[in-house]
């Protein structure tokens, strides 16, 4: 049996939040996965060339969500998340070993997001923490928020 090729990928992104009235809201992008199912994901993407993880996080959040980098403030680095998956949308369905640098990012709330439709994004939604608790998200967005809630002022 032929072994699947392997790819090692480093990405960066973040948990983007804003305050609306008295509630904390988290930005999630609606995305079609490889099984053509709609799911909500954090904005993130590949680290390019000599880019620093924080630079990538801001660039990718801006590119994927349509939010201006000037309206985004990195509060802190939260964690590295590692996971593996088979990329069935690529030739030979390689096994991807992914490492994602996650940052906590505050949004000044100047405009609503405009996700990039051409990258399988179909919209966005601002979720309250109560709504996020009802969802099955990977990584554990709610856990990261709980550990960092004191920084989300």
Protein backbone atom coordinates (compact mmCIF):
# COMPACT_ATOMS: atom_id res chain seq x y z
CA UNK A 1 0.00 0.00 0.00
CA UNK A 2 1.34 3.40 -1.02
CA UNK A 3 2.05 5.77 1.86
CA UNK A 4 0.51 9.24 1.60
CA UNK A 5 2.98 12.08 1.14
CA UNK A 6 3.41 14.37 4.13
CA UNK A 7 3.42 18.16 4.34
CA UNK A 8 4.52 20.31 7.27
CA UNK A 9 2.71 23.64 7.42
CA UNK A 10 3.00 26.60 9.78
CA UNK A 11 0.14 29.06 10.03
CA UNK A 12 -0.95 31.95 12.20
CA UNK A 13 -4.25 33.56 13.00
CA UNK A 14 -6.33 34.65 15.86
CA UNK A 15 -9.37 34.94 18.00
CA UNK A 16 -10.73 38.32 16.92
CA UNK A 17 -13.06 39.96 19.43
CA UNK A 18 -15.05 43.14 19.92
CA UNK A 19 -17.34 44.55 22.57
CA UNK A 20 -20.90 45.33 21.57
CA UNK A 21 -23.16 46.84 24.20
CA UNK A 22 -22.32 44.72 27.25
CA UNK A 23 -21.32 41.58 25.39
CA UNK A 24 -18.09 40.16 24.12
CA UNK A 25 -18.33 38.90 20.53
CA UNK A 26 -15.94 36.61 18.65
CA UNK A 27 -15.52 36.66 14.86
CA UNK A 28 -15.90 33.33 13.09
CA UNK A 29 -15.78 32.89 9.32
CA UNK A 30 -18.22 30.59 7.50
CA UNK A 31 -16.11 28.24 5.36
CA UNK A 32 -16.73 25.18 3.19
CA UNK A 33 -14.44 22.36 4.25
CA UNK A 34 -13.04 19.57 2.03
CA UNK A 35 -16.25 17.55 2.50
CA UNK A 36 -18.25 20.53 1.17
CA UNK A 37 -19.77 21.16 4.61
CA UNK A 38 -20.23 24.65 6.04
CA UNK A 39 -18.40 25.23 9.30
CA UNK A 40 -17.21 28.23 11.31
CA UNK A 41 -13.46 28.74 11.61
CA UNK A 42 -10.99 31.25 12.97
CA UNK A 43 -9.21 33.43 10.41
CA UNK A 44 -5.71 32.06 9.83
CA UNK A 45 -3.26 31.23 7.07
CA UNK A 46 0.23 30.15 6.07
CA UNK A 47 3.34 31.90 7.30
CA UNK A 48 5.17 33.16 4.22
CA UNK A 49 8.94 33.49 3.70
CA UNK A 50 10.60 35.28 6.63
CA UNK A 51 7.35 36.60 8.04
CA UNK A 52 6.91 36.56 11.82
CA UNK A 53 3.88 34.69 13.18
CA UNK A 54 2.26 37.88 14.49
CA UNK A 55 2.66 39.58 11.09
CA UNK A 56 1.05 36.57 9.42
CA UNK A 57 -1.82 36.58 11.89
CA UNK A 58 -2.66 40.22 11.17
CA UNK A 59 -2.23 39.82 7.40
CA UNK A 60 -4.34 36.67 7.22
CA UNK A 61 -7.08 38.03 9.47
CA UNK A 62 -7.26 41.11 7.28
CA UNK A 63 -7.14 39.17 3.99
CA UNK A 64 -9.73 36.58 5.00
CA UNK A 65 -12.13 38.87 6.84
CA UNK A 66 -11.74 42.14 4.94
CA UNK A 67 -11.00 44.01 8.18
CA UNK A 68 -8.31 46.70 7.99
CA UNK A 69 -5.04 45.87 9.76
CA UNK A 70 -5.11 49.37 11.28
CA UNK A 71 -8.31 48.38 13.14
CA UNK A 72 -6.75 45.23 14.62
CA UNK A 73 -4.63 45.18 17.78
CA UNK A 74 -2.73 42.09 18.89
CA UNK A 75 -3.25 41.79 22.64
CA UNK A 76 -1.10 38.71 23.17
CA UNK A 77 0.16 35.39 21.85
CA UNK A 78 -2.06 32.62 23.22
CA UNK A 79 -0.81 29.23 22.10
CA UNK A 80 0.47 26.95 19.36
CA UNK A 81 -2.07 24.40 18.21
CA UNK A 82 -0.91 21.26 16.40
CA UNK A 83 -3.05 18.84 14.45
CA UNK A 84 -2.92 16.48 11.47
CA UNK A 85 -5.38 15.97 8.63
CA UNK A 86 -5.54 14.44 5.18
CA UNK A 87 -5.87 17.12 2.48
CA UNK A 88 -8.30 15.29 0.21
CA UNK A 89 -8.58 18.38 -2.01
CA UNK A 90 -4.89 18.00 -3.03
CA UNK A 91 -3.34 15.37 -5.34
CA UNK A 92 -2.47 12.14 -3.48
CA UNK A 93 -4.35 13.42 -0.37
CA UNK A 94 -1.20 14.23 1.63
CA UNK A 95 -1.08 14.05 5.39
CA UNK A 96 -0.69 17.62 6.63
CA UNK A 97 1.05 18.25 9.95
CA UNK A 98 -0.18 21.71 10.86
CA UNK A 99 1.07 24.11 13.52
CA UNK A 100 -1.02 27.24 14.12
CA UNK A 101 0.18 30.21 16.18
CA UNK A 102 -2.91 31.76 17.77
CA UNK A 103 -3.10 35.38 18.89
CA UNK A 104 -5.74 37.30 20.80
CA UNK A 105 -6.75 40.24 18.58
CA UNK A 106 -9.02 43.15 19.46
CA UNK A 107 -11.09 44.75 16.70
CA UNK A 108 -11.90 48.49 16.95
CA UNK A 109 -15.21 47.90 15.16
CA UNK A 110 -15.04 50.40 12.32
CA UNK A 111 -16.78 48.28 9.63
CA UNK A 112 -18.35 44.86 9.34
CA UNK A 113 -16.17 42.09 7.83
CA UNK A 114 -16.23 41.23 4.12
CA UNK A 115 -14.85 37.66 3.83
CA UNK A 116 -13.07 36.54 0.66
CA UNK A 117 -15.64 34.47 -1.20
CA UNK A 118 -13.01 33.13 -3.62
CA UNK A 119 -11.32 31.15 -0.82
CA UNK A 120 -14.39 29.05 0.09
CA UNK A 121 -15.57 31.62 2.64
CA UNK A 122 -19.30 32.24 2.58
CA UNK A 123 -19.78 34.81 5.28
CA UNK A 124 -19.10 35.50 8.91
CA UNK A 125 -20.83 35.79 12.23
CA UNK A 126 -20.04 37.49 15.52
CA UNK A 127 -20.75 34.92 18.25
CA UNK A 128 -21.25 35.53 21.95
CA UNK A 129 -19.43 33.23 24.33
CA UNK A 130 -22.76 31.55 25.16
CA UNK A 131 -23.30 30.66 21.48
CA UNK A 132 -19.73 29.42 21.07
CA UNK A 133 -20.23 27.04 24.00
CA UNK A 134 -22.99 25.31 21.98
CA UNK A 135 -20.75 24.74 18.95
CA UNK A 136 -18.23 21.98 18.29
CA UNK A 137 -15.14 23.97 17.34
CA UNK A 138 -11.56 22.94 16.73
CA UNK A 139 -9.42 24.27 18.24
CA UNK A 140 -11.12 24.79 21.60
CA UNK A 141 -11.98 28.47 21.08
CA UNK A 142 -14.06 28.65 24.27
CA UNK A 143 -11.18 27.21 26.32
CA UNK A 144 -8.74 29.77 24.92
CA UNK A 145 -11.19 32.59 25.66
CA UNK A 146 -11.73 31.40 29.24
CA UNK A 147 -7.95 31.30 29.83
CA UNK A 148 -7.54 34.82 28.40
CA UNK A 149 -10.78 36.60 29.36
CA UNK A 150 -8.93 38.96 31.72
CA UNK A 151 -7.07 40.45 28.70
CA UNK A 152 -10.24 41.04 26.68
CA UNK A 153 -11.14 44.53 27.93
